[in-house]
N, C-alpha and C. Protein backbone atom coordinates (compact mmCIF):
# COMPACT_ATOMS: atom_id res chain seq x y z
N MET A 1 35.29 79.36 77.56
CA MET A 1 34.45 79.04 78.79
C MET A 1 33.92 77.66 78.76
N LYS A 2 33.48 77.17 77.65
CA LYS A 2 32.98 75.90 77.53
C LYS A 2 33.84 74.98 78.06
N ARG A 3 35.11 75.24 77.84
CA ARG A 3 36.18 74.40 78.13
C ARG A 3 36.47 74.36 79.62
N ALA A 4 36.41 75.46 80.21
CA ALA A 4 36.57 75.59 81.57
C ALA A 4 35.64 74.99 82.31
N ALA A 5 34.25 75.05 81.74
CA ALA A 5 33.13 74.45 82.48
C ALA A 5 33.25 72.87 82.44
N GLU A 6 33.89 72.41 81.16
CA GLU A 6 34.13 70.96 81.07
C GLU A 6 35.27 70.45 81.95
N THR A 7 36.32 71.31 82.45
CA THR A 7 37.56 71.00 83.04
C THR A 7 36.88 70.77 84.55
N MET A 8 36.15 72.01 84.91
CA MET A 8 35.39 72.06 86.22
C MET A 8 34.61 70.79 86.60
N ALA A 9 33.81 70.46 85.52
CA ALA A 9 32.88 69.16 85.72
C ALA A 9 33.82 67.91 85.88
N ALA A 10 34.98 68.07 85.14
CA ALA A 10 35.70 66.76 85.27
C ALA A 10 36.47 66.79 86.64
N GLU A 11 36.91 67.95 87.13
CA GLU A 11 37.50 68.04 88.48
C GLU A 11 36.61 67.72 89.57
N THR A 12 35.32 67.87 89.08
CA THR A 12 34.29 67.82 90.30
C THR A 12 34.05 66.18 90.28
N LYS A 13 34.12 65.62 88.99
CA LYS A 13 33.85 64.24 89.03
C LYS A 13 35.10 63.43 89.64
N LEU A 14 36.13 63.89 89.30
CA LEU A 14 37.39 63.29 89.93
C LEU A 14 37.49 63.30 91.16
N ALA A 15 36.98 64.46 91.92
CA ALA A 15 36.89 64.45 93.45
C ALA A 15 35.93 63.74 93.93
N GLU A 16 34.79 63.63 93.46
CA GLU A 16 33.75 62.52 93.98
C GLU A 16 34.29 61.08 93.89
N ALA A 17 35.01 60.74 92.64
CA ALA A 17 35.37 59.47 92.61
C ALA A 17 36.60 59.19 93.66
N LYS A 18 37.33 60.32 94.00
CA LYS A 18 38.43 60.18 94.94
C LYS A 18 37.71 60.03 96.44
N ARG A 19 36.72 60.85 96.69
CA ARG A 19 36.18 60.66 97.89
C ARG A 19 35.49 59.41 98.14
N ALA A 20 34.77 58.77 96.95
CA ALA A 20 34.42 57.50 97.03
C ALA A 20 35.18 56.31 97.14
N ALA A 21 36.51 56.57 96.61
CA ALA A 21 37.43 55.64 96.91
C ALA A 21 38.10 55.65 98.52
N ASP A 22 38.12 56.96 98.91
CA ASP A 22 38.69 57.10 100.23
C ASP A 22 37.46 56.52 101.16
N MET A 23 36.22 56.60 100.65
CA MET A 23 35.19 56.19 101.64
C MET A 23 35.24 54.62 101.83
N LYS A 24 35.41 54.02 100.55
CA LYS A 24 35.53 52.60 100.53
C LYS A 24 36.74 52.10 101.22
N ALA A 25 37.86 52.83 101.09
CA ALA A 25 38.99 52.29 101.79
C ALA A 25 38.74 52.49 103.40
N ALA A 26 38.09 53.77 103.72
CA ALA A 26 37.86 53.75 105.10
C ALA A 26 36.89 52.81 105.92
N GLU A 27 35.99 52.22 105.11
CA GLU A 27 34.98 51.17 105.37
C GLU A 27 35.59 49.94 105.36
N ALA A 28 36.63 49.72 104.40
CA ALA A 28 37.33 48.28 104.44
C ALA A 28 38.15 48.40 105.94
N LYS A 29 38.84 49.59 106.19
CA LYS A 29 39.72 49.36 107.31
C LYS A 29 38.73 49.40 108.60
N LEU A 30 37.69 50.03 108.42
CA LEU A 30 36.65 49.78 109.76
C LEU A 30 36.38 48.37 109.82
N VAL A 31 35.90 47.60 108.73
CA VAL A 31 35.60 46.22 108.57
C VAL A 31 36.78 45.28 109.27
N GLU A 32 37.94 45.79 108.85
CA GLU A 32 39.18 44.91 109.26
C GLU A 32 39.51 45.12 110.68
N THR A 33 39.29 46.37 111.15
CA THR A 33 39.47 46.75 112.66
C THR A 33 38.38 45.77 113.54
N GLN A 34 37.13 45.89 112.99
CA GLN A 34 36.21 45.17 113.67
C GLN A 34 36.41 43.50 113.82
N LEU A 35 36.94 43.19 112.60
CA LEU A 35 37.17 41.73 112.52
C LEU A 35 38.49 41.35 113.58
N ALA A 36 39.29 42.12 113.61
CA ALA A 36 40.44 42.06 114.53
C ALA A 36 40.01 42.13 115.89
N ILE A 37 39.03 43.08 116.31
CA ILE A 37 38.42 43.16 117.72
C ILE A 37 37.58 42.07 117.99
N GLU A 38 36.78 41.42 117.09
CA GLU A 38 35.99 40.12 117.45
C GLU A 38 36.98 38.95 117.51
N THR A 39 38.19 39.09 116.74
CA THR A 39 38.84 37.80 116.85
C THR A 39 39.53 38.08 118.25
N LYS A 40 40.07 39.05 118.54
CA LYS A 40 40.56 39.28 120.06
C LYS A 40 39.54 38.64 121.11
N LEU A 41 38.41 39.27 120.83
CA LEU A 41 37.26 39.04 121.96
C LEU A 41 37.13 37.48 121.95
N ALA A 42 36.95 36.64 120.91
CA ALA A 42 36.84 35.27 120.84
C ALA A 42 37.95 34.44 121.42
N GLU A 43 39.41 35.13 121.21
CA GLU A 43 40.40 34.51 121.85
C GLU A 43 40.23 34.53 123.27
N ALA A 44 39.82 35.84 124.06
CA ALA A 44 39.75 35.94 125.28
C ALA A 44 38.68 35.09 125.81
N LYS A 45 37.49 34.86 125.17
CA LYS A 45 36.49 33.84 125.74
C LYS A 45 36.98 32.60 125.61
N LEU A 46 37.77 32.25 124.70
CA LEU A 46 38.41 30.74 124.84
C LEU A 46 39.41 30.73 125.89
N ALA A 47 40.25 31.70 126.09
CA ALA A 47 40.98 31.43 127.10
C ALA A 47 40.36 31.49 128.62
N ASP A 48 39.34 32.28 128.57
CA ASP A 48 38.50 32.32 130.01
C ASP A 48 38.01 30.73 130.00
N ALA A 49 37.34 30.34 129.05
CA ALA A 49 36.82 28.92 129.12
C ALA A 49 37.87 27.83 129.60
N ARG A 50 39.08 28.02 128.86
CA ARG A 50 40.14 27.17 129.22
C ARG A 50 40.51 27.32 130.72
N LEU A 51 40.59 28.52 131.34
CA LEU A 51 40.92 28.59 132.81
C LEU A 51 39.95 28.15 133.66
N ALA A 52 38.40 28.43 133.21
CA ALA A 52 37.65 27.80 134.07
C ALA A 52 37.60 26.39 133.94
N GLU A 53 37.94 25.75 132.79
CA GLU A 53 38.02 24.10 132.82
C GLU A 53 39.28 23.62 133.77
N THR A 54 40.28 24.38 133.75
CA THR A 54 41.41 23.90 134.36
C THR A 54 41.03 24.20 135.86
N LYS A 55 40.27 25.34 136.49
CA LYS A 55 39.97 25.31 137.80
C LYS A 55 38.99 24.28 138.19
N ARG A 56 38.04 23.95 137.33
CA ARG A 56 37.03 22.87 137.83
C ARG A 56 37.87 21.35 137.75
N ALA A 57 38.76 21.30 136.92
CA ALA A 57 39.57 20.03 137.04
C ALA A 57 40.53 20.06 138.57
N ALA A 58 41.02 21.30 138.68
CA ALA A 58 41.76 21.26 139.93
C ALA A 58 40.84 20.93 141.23
N GLU A 59 39.68 21.71 141.18
CA GLU A 59 38.44 21.59 142.24
C GLU A 59 38.25 20.02 142.39
N MET A 60 38.03 19.34 141.42
CA MET A 60 37.69 18.09 141.28
C MET A 60 38.73 17.07 141.82
N ARG A 61 40.03 17.36 141.51
CA ARG A 61 41.23 16.55 141.92
C ARG A 61 41.25 16.83 143.49
N ALA A 62 41.03 17.91 144.11
CA ALA A 62 41.32 18.44 145.49
C ALA A 62 40.03 17.88 146.32
N ALA A 63 38.88 17.55 145.62
CA ALA A 63 37.57 17.15 146.26
C ALA A 63 37.91 15.61 146.37
N GLN A 64 38.40 15.02 145.35
CA GLN A 64 38.68 13.72 145.29
C GLN A 64 39.75 13.41 146.30
N THR A 65 40.76 14.15 146.52
CA THR A 65 41.83 13.88 147.65
C THR A 65 41.33 13.97 148.74
N ARG A 66 40.39 15.02 149.05
CA ARG A 66 39.68 15.15 150.39
C ARG A 66 38.87 13.83 150.64
N LEU A 67 37.91 13.45 149.77
CA LEU A 67 37.08 12.30 149.83
C LEU A 67 37.94 11.33 150.45
N ALA A 68 39.19 10.95 149.64
CA ALA A 68 40.03 9.91 149.82
C ALA A 68 40.63 9.85 151.49
N GLU A 69 40.77 10.90 151.95
CA GLU A 69 41.27 11.16 153.16
C GLU A 69 40.32 11.08 154.30
N VAL A 70 39.04 11.26 153.84
CA VAL A 70 37.88 11.22 154.92
C VAL A 70 37.56 9.73 155.37
N LYS A 71 37.59 9.52 156.55
CA LYS A 71 37.00 8.14 157.11
C LYS A 71 35.72 7.93 156.97
N PRO A 72 35.32 6.63 156.56
CA PRO A 72 33.89 6.24 156.34
C PRO A 72 32.95 6.54 157.70
N ALA A 73 31.76 6.97 157.15
CA ALA A 73 30.86 7.32 158.43
C ALA A 73 30.59 6.29 159.12
N VAL A 74 30.35 4.82 158.43
CA VAL A 74 30.11 3.65 159.13
C VAL A 74 31.30 2.79 159.23
N ASP A 75 31.56 2.36 160.51
CA ASP A 75 32.70 1.54 160.70
C ASP A 75 32.28 0.14 160.29
N SER A 76 33.27 -0.47 159.60
CA SER A 76 32.88 -1.93 159.00
C SER A 76 33.21 -2.95 160.16
N LYS A 77 33.75 -2.57 161.23
CA LYS A 77 34.04 -3.39 162.45
C LYS A 77 32.87 -3.70 163.26
N PRO A 78 32.44 -4.52 163.98
CA PRO A 78 31.50 -4.79 164.88
C PRO A 78 31.51 -3.66 165.89
N ALA A 79 30.40 -3.30 166.34
CA ALA A 79 30.23 -2.29 167.33
C ALA A 79 31.14 -2.72 168.73
N LEU A 80 30.90 -3.97 169.10
CA LEU A 80 31.79 -4.39 170.40
C LEU A 80 32.86 -5.25 169.82
N ALA A 81 33.96 -5.02 170.35
CA ALA A 81 34.97 -5.90 169.96
C ALA A 81 34.96 -7.37 170.60
N ALA A 82 34.27 -7.32 171.57
CA ALA A 82 34.10 -8.81 171.97
C ALA A 82 33.48 -9.86 171.17
N TYR A 83 32.73 -9.32 170.04
CA TYR A 83 32.01 -10.25 169.10
C TYR A 83 32.73 -10.43 167.83
N ALA A 84 34.05 -9.82 167.83
CA ALA A 84 34.64 -9.86 166.54
C ALA A 84 35.36 -11.23 166.22
N SER A 85 35.44 -12.01 167.10
CA SER A 85 35.92 -13.60 167.15
C SER A 85 34.79 -14.39 167.10
N CYS A 86 33.52 -13.90 167.22
CA CYS A 86 32.66 -15.04 167.21
C CYS A 86 31.80 -14.91 165.91
N ASP A 87 32.04 -16.03 165.25
CA ASP A 87 31.28 -16.20 163.97
C ASP A 87 29.76 -16.30 163.93
N ALA A 88 29.40 -16.76 164.95
CA ALA A 88 27.81 -17.23 165.35
C ALA A 88 27.24 -15.97 165.81
N CYS A 89 27.89 -14.84 166.19
CA CYS A 89 27.37 -13.66 166.61
C CYS A 89 27.17 -12.62 165.52
N GLY A 90 26.00 -11.90 165.60
CA GLY A 90 25.71 -10.98 164.60
C GLY A 90 24.77 -10.00 165.17
N LYS A 91 24.48 -9.05 164.20
CA LYS A 91 23.52 -7.84 164.54
C LYS A 91 22.28 -7.82 163.96
N ILE A 92 21.22 -7.70 164.49
CA ILE A 92 19.85 -7.78 164.02
C ILE A 92 19.72 -6.35 163.10
N THR A 93 19.55 -6.73 161.74
CA THR A 93 19.19 -5.60 160.94
C THR A 93 17.90 -5.05 160.66
N SER A 94 16.93 -5.93 160.97
CA SER A 94 15.49 -5.72 160.77
C SER A 94 14.54 -6.89 161.40
N VAL A 95 13.49 -6.10 161.99
CA VAL A 95 12.74 -6.97 162.71
C VAL A 95 11.29 -6.46 162.00
N ALA A 96 10.42 -7.34 161.24
CA ALA A 96 9.34 -7.18 160.54
C ALA A 96 8.31 -8.08 160.76
N GLN A 97 6.88 -7.92 160.83
CA GLN A 97 5.87 -8.81 160.75
C GLN A 97 5.58 -8.82 159.50
N ARG A 98 5.37 -10.22 158.94
CA ARG A 98 5.19 -10.68 157.51
C ARG A 98 3.83 -11.59 157.49
N LEU A 99 3.38 -11.45 156.29
CA LEU A 99 2.24 -12.62 156.05
C LEU A 99 3.01 -13.86 155.48
N LEU A 100 2.84 -14.99 156.27
CA LEU A 100 3.32 -16.16 155.95
C LEU A 100 2.46 -17.12 155.10
N GLU A 101 2.88 -18.32 154.72
CA GLU A 101 2.09 -19.22 154.29
C GLU A 101 0.72 -19.55 154.71
N ARG A 102 -0.34 -19.84 154.00
CA ARG A 102 -1.80 -20.13 154.42
C ARG A 102 -2.31 -18.88 155.31
N GLY A 103 -1.73 -17.76 154.97
CA GLY A 103 -2.78 -16.58 155.50
C GLY A 103 -2.50 -16.26 156.85
N SER A 104 -1.32 -16.91 157.50
CA SER A 104 -0.82 -16.93 159.12
C SER A 104 0.18 -15.55 158.90
N GLN A 105 0.31 -15.01 160.02
CA GLN A 105 1.30 -13.56 160.18
C GLN A 105 2.42 -14.34 161.06
N GLY A 106 3.63 -13.70 160.89
CA GLY A 106 4.76 -14.25 161.50
C GLY A 106 5.72 -13.07 161.54
N TRP A 107 7.00 -13.28 162.23
CA TRP A 107 7.85 -12.35 162.52
C TRP A 107 9.06 -12.58 161.83
N GLU A 108 9.70 -11.64 160.93
CA GLU A 108 10.96 -12.00 160.20
C GLU A 108 12.08 -11.13 160.85
N VAL A 109 13.11 -11.91 161.21
CA VAL A 109 14.20 -11.17 161.76
C VAL A 109 15.54 -11.52 160.85
N ARG A 110 15.93 -10.35 160.51
CA ARG A 110 17.35 -10.49 159.61
C ARG A 110 18.54 -10.20 160.50
N VAL A 111 19.49 -11.01 160.29
CA VAL A 111 20.67 -10.98 160.97
C VAL A 111 21.98 -10.97 160.24
N ASP A 112 22.90 -9.92 160.37
CA ASP A 112 24.15 -9.86 159.70
C ASP A 112 25.32 -10.42 160.67
N PHE A 113 25.63 -11.64 160.33
CA PHE A 113 26.84 -12.12 161.24
C PHE A 113 28.31 -11.66 160.96
N VAL A 114 28.92 -11.59 161.97
CA VAL A 114 30.24 -11.12 162.02
C VAL A 114 31.01 -11.54 160.84
N GLY A 115 31.05 -12.86 160.65
CA GLY A 115 31.80 -13.64 159.59
C GLY A 115 31.51 -13.10 158.22
N GLY A 116 30.45 -12.27 157.90
CA GLY A 116 30.13 -11.89 156.70
C GLY A 116 28.78 -12.47 156.18
N SER A 117 28.23 -13.37 156.92
CA SER A 117 27.10 -14.02 156.23
C SER A 117 25.84 -13.27 156.88
N ASN A 118 24.65 -13.40 156.26
CA ASN A 118 23.53 -13.13 156.73
C ASN A 118 22.39 -14.31 156.68
N ARG A 119 21.32 -14.07 157.57
CA ARG A 119 20.51 -14.94 157.55
C ARG A 119 19.01 -14.47 158.01
N VAL A 120 17.89 -14.95 157.68
CA VAL A 120 16.43 -14.55 157.86
C VAL A 120 15.97 -15.86 158.84
N PHE A 121 15.45 -15.34 159.96
CA PHE A 121 14.76 -16.17 160.89
C PHE A 121 13.37 -15.67 161.01
N VAL A 122 12.42 -16.75 161.11
CA VAL A 122 10.97 -16.56 160.89
C VAL A 122 10.35 -17.03 162.25
N PHE A 123 9.67 -16.21 163.03
CA PHE A 123 9.06 -16.65 164.21
C PHE A 123 7.66 -16.54 164.19
N PRO A 124 6.80 -17.44 164.86
CA PRO A 124 5.56 -17.41 164.84
C PRO A 124 4.81 -16.24 165.58
N THR A 125 5.58 -15.81 166.59
CA THR A 125 5.16 -14.64 167.46
C THR A 125 6.41 -13.62 167.51
N ASP A 126 5.95 -12.53 168.29
CA ASP A 126 6.92 -11.52 168.53
C ASP A 126 8.13 -12.01 169.06
N PRO A 127 9.34 -12.07 168.63
CA PRO A 127 10.48 -12.75 169.46
C PRO A 127 10.81 -11.68 170.48
N GLY A 128 10.71 -10.64 170.39
CA GLY A 128 11.45 -9.49 171.26
C GLY A 128 12.61 -8.82 170.69
N PHE A 129 12.93 -9.21 169.68
CA PHE A 129 14.51 -8.54 169.33
C PHE A 129 14.11 -7.10 168.84
N SER A 130 14.90 -6.23 168.65
CA SER A 130 15.01 -5.06 168.05
C SER A 130 16.07 -4.84 167.06
N THR A 131 16.04 -4.05 166.13
CA THR A 131 17.06 -3.74 165.29
C THR A 131 18.02 -3.19 165.93
N GLY A 132 19.43 -3.66 165.88
CA GLY A 132 20.51 -3.03 166.53
C GLY A 132 21.18 -4.13 167.66
N ASP A 133 20.17 -4.93 168.15
CA ASP A 133 20.55 -5.97 169.19
C ASP A 133 21.45 -7.19 168.49
N TRP A 134 22.54 -7.45 169.49
CA TRP A 134 23.41 -8.28 169.20
C TRP A 134 22.93 -9.60 169.53
N VAL A 135 23.18 -10.60 168.73
CA VAL A 135 22.69 -11.96 169.17
C VAL A 135 23.64 -13.02 168.67
N ARG A 136 23.47 -14.25 169.24
CA ARG A 136 24.16 -15.61 168.99
C ARG A 136 23.47 -16.53 168.37
N TYR A 137 23.64 -17.15 167.38
CA TYR A 137 22.93 -18.42 166.85
C TYR A 137 23.75 -19.58 167.24
N GLN A 138 23.06 -20.37 168.44
CA GLN A 138 23.64 -21.61 168.75
C GLN A 138 22.63 -22.59 169.20
N ALA A 139 22.90 -23.78 168.64
CA ALA A 139 21.99 -24.74 168.92
C ALA A 139 20.60 -24.59 168.27
N GLY A 140 20.47 -23.90 167.22
CA GLY A 140 19.32 -23.70 166.71
C GLY A 140 18.46 -22.52 167.14
N LYS A 141 19.14 -21.80 168.07
CA LYS A 141 18.39 -20.76 168.74
C LYS A 141 18.96 -19.33 168.65
N LEU A 142 18.24 -18.42 168.53
CA LEU A 142 18.96 -16.99 168.50
C LEU A 142 18.88 -16.59 169.95
N THR A 143 20.01 -16.13 170.67
CA THR A 143 19.96 -15.58 171.85
C THR A 143 20.61 -14.31 172.00
N ARG A 144 19.81 -13.31 172.84
CA ARG A 144 20.30 -11.91 172.56
C ARG A 144 21.53 -11.72 173.59
N LEU A 145 22.46 -11.14 172.89
CA LEU A 145 23.85 -10.79 173.81
C LEU A 145 24.00 -9.22 174.51
N TYR A 146 23.40 -8.45 173.56
CA TYR A 146 23.41 -7.07 173.89
C TYR A 146 22.35 -6.52 173.27
N SER A 147 21.64 -5.53 173.86
CA SER A 147 20.41 -4.75 173.54
C SER A 147 20.80 -3.29 173.22
N ARG A 148 20.49 -2.74 172.09
CA ARG A 148 20.98 -1.48 171.71
C ARG A 148 20.19 -0.32 172.52
N ARG A 149 18.96 -0.91 173.11
CA ARG A 149 17.99 -0.20 174.02
C ARG A 149 18.64 -0.04 175.53
N THR A 150 18.31 1.30 175.92
CA THR A 150 18.77 1.37 177.22
C THR A 150 17.57 1.23 177.93
N SER A 151 17.86 0.71 179.35
CA SER A 151 16.62 0.50 180.34
C SER A 151 16.32 1.70 180.98
N THR A 152 15.00 1.91 181.03
CA THR A 152 14.60 3.26 181.89
C THR A 152 13.80 2.82 183.14
N LEU A 153 14.54 2.17 184.14
CA LEU A 153 13.82 1.88 185.30
C LEU A 153 14.08 2.83 186.29
């Protein structure tokens, strides 16, 4: 009887050891499966990131192509073709009242000439020019050629 009890105890111990080994094997397989899932997920995220980067690059190239095809909003040619050959002709870009030397006030008129140069003229009183007026510089004087203002008579 004693031997049967010892055999039974040994079999129980063996069964518990086998169950523990089976549990460890199942846990190891579970960890391996989880690692495989996490690896697949990381690969999928990397593929998504690469796809998004490729899409962004394609959109940037398309935008640059569209930008190159768009005409500029401001035409670099003069507004009136009649002044294109006149290097002494230009467009007034600003008219402003400024404080001059010795505390006096004057008017500063900036002109961009058709030839590409620009110049600032100073007048002691309001010269009557407006931004956008076309002028000619001749014999030391600015003469209005065309006013951007429309008359309302």
